[in-house]
């Protein structure tokens, strides 16, 4: 049995139903692939040794200035640098078709028997036709929604954010008026900072060596029941030598560590003397500067009175 309408206007009903569903599926696939294309656009694409595609992310260099106090409570201006991957600051989201509504009425234009199946040919007509017309109605509605980024991409962006650590580019000390120090004042400041850093380093070493002495001394007490000084006095009084090899090694280590301790203490004493001398020079320079300023003010006031 075969009854067919106009082939040029009719569409098989199966194709008519499938076409919008296929279009929605393809649209979602294209929307999903957009995020991959976007990620590739945030860097330079190359291949690794195994031939795998690799994206070298583009970054942005950012700098800003911040004020802080140094070890002497002087104000310094620091230039801070930060390298930020562009991917970490782009808003990441995707779209998908969340809801599709396909509604249409059709007019059967013809049928064709193919084996045990029957193909139905239909025609979708214009929306402008009257309701009582013997033609179909067709409407196609699509709703989009924003889709959160995948968990893998979110974790990768979190890693980028965590690795964007500010770095100190340079530090400029300021005077009381907020001006950057230059010339001799800057040289004196740098010398003071070097002394402070050196003093800090020596104190750390001194604490370490004293802790080592304390450990050896405790071991000696456990072995002999006496501290190092008590044990040395015991040897002098009894006119004997160390009882065994382990005790002798402990005593030798304590002697060596104490020599290092004395050397560090001597270096710290020299730094303290240098700091006192530098403080005296700074106070003398401040006094000379104030005297010079007072002399200039007096000269300026005298000129004003003579002019009046």
Protein backbone atom coordinates (compact mmCIF):
# COMPACT_ATOMS: atom_id res chain seq x y z
CA UNK A 1 0.00 0.00 0.00
CA UNK A 2 1.34 3.40 -0.90
CA UNK A 3 -0.16 6.81 -0.53
CA UNK A 4 2.23 9.69 -0.91
CA UNK A 5 1.99 13.45 -0.88
CA UNK A 6 4.32 16.05 -2.32
CA UNK A 7 7.86 14.75 -1.78
CA UNK A 8 9.36 18.23 -1.91
CA UNK A 9 7.30 19.54 1.00
CA UNK A 10 6.85 16.45 3.12
CA UNK A 11 9.29 15.14 5.74
CA UNK A 12 9.29 11.69 7.26
CA UNK A 13 7.80 11.91 10.74
CA UNK A 14 10.73 10.06 12.31
CA UNK A 15 13.20 12.60 10.92
CA UNK A 16 10.99 15.46 12.04
CA UNK A 17 10.99 14.24 15.63
CA UNK A 18 14.67 13.29 15.67
CA UNK A 19 16.05 16.48 14.09
CA UNK A 20 15.50 18.88 17.05
CA UNK A 21 16.72 16.26 19.53
CA UNK A 22 19.89 15.77 17.52
CA UNK A 23 20.34 19.55 17.28
CA UNK A 24 20.11 19.93 21.07
CA UNK A 25 22.61 17.09 21.62
CA UNK A 26 25.06 18.62 19.15
CA UNK A 27 24.64 22.06 20.69
CA UNK A 28 25.52 20.71 24.14
CA UNK A 29 28.60 19.01 22.72
CA UNK A 30 29.75 22.26 21.12
CA UNK A 31 29.11 24.23 24.29
CA UNK A 32 31.18 21.72 26.28
CA UNK A 33 34.04 21.91 23.79
CA UNK A 34 34.12 25.70 24.19
CA UNK A 35 35.75 25.39 27.63
CA UNK A 36 38.54 23.26 26.11
CA UNK A 37 39.11 25.84 23.39
CA UNK A 38 39.12 28.57 26.02
CA UNK A 39 41.77 26.80 28.13
CA UNK A 40 43.97 26.38 25.05
CA UNK A 41 43.62 30.11 24.32
CA UNK A 42 45.06 31.08 27.74
CA UNK A 43 48.57 30.00 26.75
CA UNK A 44 50.91 28.91 23.99
CA UNK A 45 50.19 25.46 22.63
CA UNK A 46 53.06 23.04 21.99
CA UNK A 47 53.78 19.32 22.33
CA UNK A 48 55.90 17.48 24.85
CA UNK A 49 58.44 14.75 24.11
CA UNK A 50 55.65 12.17 23.91
CA UNK A 51 53.69 14.25 21.43
CA UNK A 52 51.00 15.26 23.91
CA UNK A 53 49.56 18.77 23.54
CA UNK A 54 50.84 21.15 26.22
CA UNK A 55 49.60 24.64 27.09
CA UNK A 56 52.15 27.08 28.53
CA UNK A 57 49.94 29.49 30.43
CA UNK A 58 50.20 33.22 29.87
CA UNK A 59 50.94 35.24 32.99
CA UNK A 60 50.61 38.85 34.08
CA UNK A 61 53.23 40.68 36.12
CA UNK A 62 51.74 42.93 38.80
CA UNK A 63 53.56 45.22 41.24
CA UNK A 64 52.50 47.33 44.17
CA UNK A 65 54.15 49.28 46.99
CA UNK A 66 53.68 48.71 50.68
CA UNK A 67 55.15 50.37 53.78
CA UNK A 68 56.50 48.47 56.77
CA UNK A 69 58.82 48.95 59.72
CA UNK A 70 62.31 47.45 59.70
CA UNK A 71 64.22 46.01 62.65
CA UNK A 72 64.92 49.53 63.95
CA UNK A 73 61.28 50.63 63.53
CA UNK A 74 62.22 52.81 60.56
CA UNK A 75 59.68 53.07 57.77
CA UNK A 76 60.71 51.44 54.50
CA UNK A 77 58.89 51.30 51.18
CA UNK A 78 58.86 47.88 49.55
CA UNK A 79 58.11 47.11 45.92
CA UNK A 80 56.24 43.80 45.78
CA UNK A 81 55.96 41.75 42.59
CA UNK A 82 53.37 39.10 41.79
CA UNK A 83 53.18 36.83 38.75
CA UNK A 84 49.59 35.73 38.11
CA UNK A 85 48.52 33.12 35.53
CA UNK A 86 45.72 34.68 33.49
CA UNK A 87 43.70 31.48 33.82
CA UNK A 88 43.40 32.06 37.58
CA UNK A 89 41.64 35.43 37.17
CA UNK A 90 39.32 34.63 34.26
CA UNK A 91 35.73 33.82 35.26
CA UNK A 92 35.31 30.15 34.43
CA UNK A 93 31.88 28.80 33.55
CA UNK A 94 30.16 26.92 30.78
CA UNK A 95 26.69 26.71 29.29
CA UNK A 96 24.41 23.83 28.47
CA UNK A 97 20.91 23.44 27.14
CA UNK A 98 18.98 22.62 30.29
CA UNK A 99 15.50 22.45 28.88
CA UNK A 100 14.09 22.08 25.39
CA UNK A 101 10.45 22.20 24.43
CA UNK A 102 9.45 21.09 20.95
CA UNK A 103 5.76 21.35 20.09
CA UNK A 104 4.25 20.97 16.67
CA UNK A 105 1.18 19.72 14.84
CA UNK A 106 1.59 18.10 11.48
CA UNK A 107 -0.46 17.25 8.50
CA UNK A 108 0.01 13.78 7.06
CA UNK A 109 0.99 14.22 3.45
CA UNK A 110 1.52 10.60 2.53
CA UNK A 111 2.59 7.11 3.61
CA UNK A 112 4.89 4.48 2.18
CA UNK A 113 5.14 0.80 3.05
CA UNK A 114 8.71 -0.50 3.42
CA UNK A 115 8.57 -4.16 4.32
CA UNK A 116 6.64 -4.49 7.56
CA UNK A 117 7.14 -0.79 8.35
CA UNK A 118 5.24 2.22 7.18
CA UNK A 119 6.93 5.57 6.59
CA UNK A 120 4.72 8.55 7.33
CA UNK A 121 5.42 11.80 5.51
CA UNK A 122 4.29 14.99 7.18
CA UNK A 123 4.43 18.72 6.72
CA UNK A 124 4.84 21.45 9.30
CA UNK A 125 2.88 24.55 8.39
CA UNK A 126 3.21 28.22 9.18
CA UNK A 127 2.25 29.56 12.61
CA UNK A 128 0.22 32.30 10.98
CA UNK A 129 -2.43 29.90 9.72
CA UNK A 130 -5.78 29.89 11.47
CA UNK A 131 -6.51 27.45 14.27
CA UNK A 132 -9.17 25.70 12.20
CA UNK A 133 -6.85 25.28 9.25
CA UNK A 134 -5.86 21.75 8.44
CA UNK A 135 -2.19 22.44 8.96
CA UNK A 136 0.32 21.95 11.76
CA UNK A 137 1.70 24.26 14.40
CA UNK A 138 5.44 24.31 15.29
CA UNK A 139 7.32 25.93 18.23
CA UNK A 140 10.85 25.39 19.48
CA UNK A 141 11.98 26.76 22.89
CA UNK A 142 15.49 26.48 24.35
CA UNK A 143 16.60 27.38 27.89
CA UNK A 144 20.29 27.77 28.82
CA UNK A 145 21.87 27.55 32.26
CA UNK A 146 25.37 28.15 33.60
CA UNK A 147 27.27 25.01 34.53
CA UNK A 148 29.95 25.06 37.28
CA UNK A 149 33.45 24.19 36.16
CA UNK A 150 34.54 20.60 36.60
CA UNK A 151 36.17 19.54 39.86
CA UNK A 152 39.49 18.83 38.12
CA UNK A 153 39.67 22.29 36.58
CA UNK A 154 38.60 23.93 39.85
CA UNK A 155 41.40 22.17 41.74
CA UNK A 156 43.93 23.16 39.09
CA UNK A 157 42.91 26.84 39.37
CA UNK A 158 43.14 26.58 43.19
CA UNK A 159 46.70 25.30 42.77
CA UNK A 160 47.58 28.26 40.53
CA UNK A 161 46.17 30.69 43.10
CA UNK A 162 48.14 29.05 45.90
CA UNK A 163 51.40 29.31 43.94
CA UNK A 164 50.95 33.02 43.18
CA UNK A 165 53.20 34.20 46.01
CA UNK A 166 54.22 37.86 46.31
CA UNK A 167 57.96 38.48 46.01
CA UNK A 168 59.89 41.43 47.40
CA UNK A 169 61.57 43.19 44.48
CA UNK A 170 63.41 45.94 46.37
CA UNK A 171 63.25 47.95 49.58
CA UNK A 172 63.80 51.69 49.92
CA UNK A 173 64.15 53.25 53.39
CA UNK A 174 62.36 56.55 54.06
CA UNK A 175 63.23 59.49 56.29
CA UNK A 176 60.85 61.11 58.76
CA UNK A 177 59.31 63.20 55.98
CA UNK A 178 58.60 60.14 53.85
CA UNK A 179 61.38 60.82 51.34
CA UNK A 180 63.65 58.02 50.08
CA UNK A 181 67.09 58.04 51.70
CA UNK A 182 70.03 58.78 49.40
CA UNK A 183 73.79 59.35 49.58
CA UNK A 184 75.46 59.06 52.97
CA UNK A 185 72.18 58.57 54.81
CA UNK A 186 71.38 55.56 52.65
CA UNK A 187 74.91 54.16 53.11
CA UNK A 188 74.65 54.53 56.90
CA UNK A 189 71.25 52.85 56.87
CA UNK A 190 72.54 49.91 54.84
CA UNK A 191 75.47 49.54 57.22
CA UNK A 192 73.11 49.44 60.20
CA UNK A 193 70.96 46.80 58.52
CA UNK A 194 74.04 44.70 57.74
CA UNK A 195 75.08 44.84 61.39
CA UNK A 196 71.58 43.84 62.51
CA UNK A 197 71.45 40.90 60.09
CA UNK A 198 74.94 39.82 61.12
CA UNK A 199 74.00 40.06 64.80
CA UNK A 200 70.86 38.00 64.18
CA UNK A 201 72.85 35.34 62.36
CA UNK A 202 75.47 35.11 65.11
CA UNK A 203 72.81 34.86 67.82
CA UNK A 204 71.17 31.97 65.98
CA UNK A 205 74.51 30.16 65.74
CA UNK A 206 75.22 30.91 69.40
CA UNK A 207 71.89 29.42 70.47
CA UNK A 208 72.60 26.32 68.38
CA UNK A 209 76.06 25.78 69.86
CA UNK A 210 74.77 26.31 73.40
CA UNK A 211 72.08 23.72 72.77
CA UNK A 212 74.78 21.30 71.60
CA UNK A 213 76.83 22.00 74.73
CA UNK A 214 73.74 21.39 76.85
CA UNK A 215 73.14 18.05 75.14
CA UNK A 216 76.71 16.85 75.64
CA UNK A 217 76.68 18.03 79.25
CA UNK A 218 73.44 16.11 79.95
CA UNK A 219 74.99 13.01 78.39
CA UNK A 220 78.04 13.44 80.63
CA UNK A 221 75.81 13.78 83.70
CA UNK A 222 74.01 10.57 82.76
CA UNK A 223 77.35 8.81 82.38
CA UNK A 224 79.25 10.14 85.41
CA UNK A 225 76.65 11.83 87.60
CA UNK A 226 78.57 15.11 87.22
CA UNK A 227 78.43 18.11 84.88
CA UNK A 228 81.47 19.00 82.79
CA UNK A 229 82.82 21.61 85.24
CA UNK A 230 82.22 19.28 88.19
CA UNK A 231 83.88 16.41 86.38
CA UNK A 232 86.96 18.48 85.47
CA UNK A 233 87.33 19.53 89.11
CA UNK A 234 87.01 15.88 90.10
CA UNK A 235 89.82 14.91 87.72
CA UNK A 236 92.06 17.69 89.00
CA UNK A 237 91.45 16.72 92.60
CA UNK A 238 92.03 13.03 92.00
CA UNK A 239 94.88 13.68 89.53
CA UNK A 240 93.43 11.09 87.13
CA UNK A 241 92.26 11.11 83.51
CA UNK A 242 88.85 10.41 82.03
CA UNK A 243 87.45 7.04 83.06
CA UNK A 244 86.65 5.71 79.58
CA UNK A 245 86.68 6.64 75.89
CA UNK A 246 83.04 7.79 75.75
CA UNK A 247 83.50 10.21 78.65
CA UNK A 248 86.69 11.55 77.05
CA UNK A 249 84.84 12.16 73.77
CA UNK A 250 82.05 14.02 75.56
CA UNK A 251 84.55 16.23 77.37
CA UNK A 252 86.47 16.90 74.15
CA UNK A 253 83.26 17.90 72.33
CA UNK A 254 82.27 20.27 75.12
CA UNK A 255 85.69 21.92 75.02
CA UNK A 256 85.44 22.36 71.23
CA UNK A 257 81.91 23.76 71.41
CA UNK A 258 82.87 26.19 74.16
CA UNK A 259 85.69 27.56 72.01
CA UNK A 260 83.17 28.20 69.24
CA UNK A 261 80.84 29.80 71.79
CA UNK A 262 83.58 32.15 72.96
CA UNK A 263 84.41 33.14 69.38
CA UNK A 264 80.75 33.92 68.61
CA UNK A 265 80.41 35.97 71.78
CA UNK A 266 83.53 37.95 70.83
CA UNK A 267 82.07 38.69 67.38
CA UNK A 268 78.80 39.83 68.96
CA UNK A 269 80.73 42.15 71.30
CA UNK A 270 82.43 43.74 68.28
CA UNK A 271 79.07 44.28 66.59
CA UNK A 272 77.64 45.89 69.72
CA UNK A 273 80.62 48.26 69.87
CA UNK A 274 80.19 49.15 66.20
CA UNK A 275 76.48 49.82 66.72
CA UNK A 276 77.24 52.13 69.65
CA UNK A 277 79.83 53.99 67.58
CA UNK A 278 77.44 54.29 64.66
CA UNK A 279 74.67 55.55 66.93
CA UNK A 280 77.05 58.22 68.23
CA UNK A 281 77.92 59.28 64.68
CA UNK A 282 74.23 59.41 63.74
CA UNK A 283 73.40 61.56 66.77
CA UNK A 284 76.31 63.86 65.96
CA UNK A 285 75.14 64.13 62.34
CA UNK A 286 71.59 64.92 63.47
CA UNK A 287 72.94 67.61 65.78
CA UNK A 288 74.99 69.17 62.98
CA UNK A 289 71.96 69.05 60.72
CA UNK A 290 69.77 70.79 63.29
CA UNK A 291 72.45 73.45 63.91
CA UNK A 292 72.71 74.08 60.17
CA UNK A 293 68.94 74.37 59.88
CA UNK A 294 68.80 76.83 62.80
CA UNK A 295 71.54 78.94 61.22
CA UNK A 296 69.63 79.03 57.93
CA UNK A 297 66.46 80.06 59.71
CA UNK A 298 68.25 82.85 61.55
CA UNK A 299 69.78 84.11 58.31
CA UNK A 300 66.40 84.02 56.59
CA UNK A 301 64.72 85.90 59.45
CA UNK A 302 67.49 88.53 59.44
CA UNK A 303 67.01 89.14 55.72
CA UNK A 304 63.27 89.57 56.21
CA UNK A 305 63.81 92.14 58.97
CA UNK A 306 66.32 94.08 56.85
CA UNK A 307 63.91 94.03 53.95
CA UNK A 308 61.13 95.37 56.14
